[in-house]
Amino acid sequence: MWVELHDTDGRNIFVNMDNATDFRRWNPDDKQTHIALGAFGDKGRVILVAETPEEIISLISAKR
């Protein structure tokens, strides 16, 4: 499912969350959430978004 998220400058990023393997903020004071598409490291891709993991979960739940 595609979800509209935003970078820290407010620009739209459309992410296919069906391909996300996990998403998190590594530290409590982080301003960006890391969304892993595939494995972390050189085999996968990481997208950084402004929304919190809780906000992303709410967006996914609202689409179901």
C-alpha atoms as a PDB file:
ATOM      1  CA  MET A   1       0.000   0.000   0.000  1.00  0.00           C
ATOM      2  CA  TRP A   2       1.243   3.442  -0.925  1.00  0.00           C
ATOM      3  CA  VAL A   3       1.452   6.038   1.846  1.00  0.00           C
ATOM      4  CA  GLU A   4       2.168   9.744   1.407  1.00  0.00           C
ATOM      5  CA  LEU A   5       4.902  10.850   3.802  1.00  0.00           C
ATOM      6  CA  HIS A   6       7.230  13.879   3.888  1.00  0.00           C
ATOM      7  CA  ASP A   7      10.907  14.693   4.092  1.00  0.00           C
ATOM      8  CA  THR A   8      12.134  17.193   6.681  1.00  0.00           C
ATOM      9  CA  ASP A   9      11.638  20.017   4.167  1.00  0.00           C
ATOM     10  CA  GLY A  10       7.942  19.113   3.808  1.00  0.00           C
ATOM     11  CA  ARG A  11       8.226  17.600   0.325  1.00  0.00           C
ATOM     12  CA  ASN A  12       6.026  14.593  -0.470  1.00  0.00           C
ATOM     13  CA  ILE A  13       7.521  11.119  -0.541  1.00  0.00           C
ATOM     14  CA  PHE A  14       5.254   8.279  -1.647  1.00  0.00           C
ATOM     15  CA  VAL A  15       6.378   5.007  -0.062  1.00  0.00           C
ATOM     16  CA  ASN A  16       5.097   1.528  -0.847  1.00  0.00           C
ATOM     17  CA  MET A  17       4.857   0.240   2.716  1.00  0.00           C
ATOM     18  CA  ASP A  18       4.240  -3.308   1.445  1.00  0.00           C
ATOM     19  CA  ASN A  19       7.975  -3.339   0.672  1.00  0.00           C
ATOM     20  CA  ALA A  20       9.081  -1.949   4.046  1.00  0.00           C
ATOM     21  CA  THR A  21      10.874  -4.436   6.274  1.00  0.00           C
ATOM     22  CA  ASP A  22      10.923  -2.121   9.297  1.00  0.00           C
ATOM     23  CA  PHE A  23      10.807   1.512  10.314  1.00  0.00           C
ATOM     24  CA  ARG A  24      12.169   3.210  13.411  1.00  0.00           C
ATOM     25  CA  ARG A  25      13.817   6.186  14.987  1.00  0.00           C
ATOM     26  CA  TRP A  26      17.206   5.048  16.244  1.00  0.00           C
ATOM     27  CA  ASN A  27      17.342   7.576  19.122  1.00  0.00           C
ATOM     28  CA  PRO A  28      14.572   9.361  21.051  1.00  0.00           C
ATOM     29  CA  ASP A  29      15.778  12.776  19.850  1.00  0.00           C
ATOM     30  CA  ASP A  30      15.915  11.822  16.133  1.00  0.00           C
ATOM     31  CA  LYS A  31      13.951  14.082  13.790  1.00  0.00           C
ATOM     32  CA  GLN A  32      13.614  11.458  11.044  1.00  0.00           C
ATOM     33  CA  THR A  33      12.221   7.953  10.820  1.00  0.00           C
ATOM     34  CA  HIS A  34      14.270   5.411   8.866  1.00  0.00           C
ATOM     35  CA  ILE A  35      12.189   3.150   6.614  1.00  0.00           C
ATOM     36  CA  ALA A  36      14.078   0.076   5.392  1.00  0.00           C
ATOM     37  CA  LEU A  37      13.074  -1.309   2.014  1.00  0.00           C
ATOM     38  CA  GLY A  38      14.864  -4.629   1.902  1.00  0.00           C
ATOM     39  CA  ALA A  39      17.737  -5.401   4.244  1.00  0.00           C
ATOM     40  CA  PHE A  40      19.760  -2.654   5.921  1.00  0.00           C
ATOM     41  CA  GLY A  41      23.176  -2.162   4.396  1.00  0.00           C
ATOM     42  CA  ASP A  42      24.331  -2.336   0.803  1.00  0.00           C
ATOM     43  CA  LYS A  43      21.551  -4.691  -0.374  1.00  0.00           C
ATOM     44  CA  GLY A  44      18.656  -2.494   0.691  1.00  0.00           C
ATOM     45  CA  ARG A  45      17.487   1.075   0.604  1.00  0.00           C
ATOM     46  CA  VAL A  46      16.633   3.387   3.485  1.00  0.00           C
ATOM     47  CA  ILE A  47      14.223   6.319   3.147  1.00  0.00           C
ATOM     48  CA  LEU A  48      14.192   9.083   5.771  1.00  0.00           C
ATOM     49  CA  VAL A  49      10.846  10.712   6.573  1.00  0.00           C
ATOM     50  CA  ALA A  50       9.599  13.325   9.032  1.00  0.00           C
ATOM     51  CA  GLU A  51       6.641  11.306  10.368  1.00  0.00           C
ATOM     52  CA  THR A  52       7.056   9.299  13.554  1.00  0.00           C
ATOM     53  CA  PRO A  53       6.605   5.520  13.516  1.00  0.00           C
ATOM     54  CA  GLU A  54       3.325   6.012  15.390  1.00  0.00           C
ATOM     55  CA  GLU A  55       2.068   8.427  12.718  1.00  0.00           C
ATOM     56  CA  ILE A  56       3.027   5.963   9.980  1.00  0.00           C
ATOM     57  CA  ILE A  57       1.145   3.153  11.743  1.00  0.00           C
ATOM     58  CA  SER A  58      -1.933   5.402  11.994  1.00  0.00           C
ATOM     59  CA  LEU A  59      -1.757   6.203   8.268  1.00  0.00           C
ATOM     60  CA  ILE A  60      -1.481   2.498   7.403  1.00  0.00           C
ATOM     61  CA  SER A  61      -4.373   1.600   9.716  1.00  0.00           C
ATOM     62  CA  ALA A  62      -6.591   4.324   8.217  1.00  0.00           C
ATOM     63  CA  LYS A  63      -6.085   2.874   4.718  1.00  0.00           C
ATOM     64  CA  ARG A  64      -7.210  -0.636   5.732  1.00  0.00           C
END
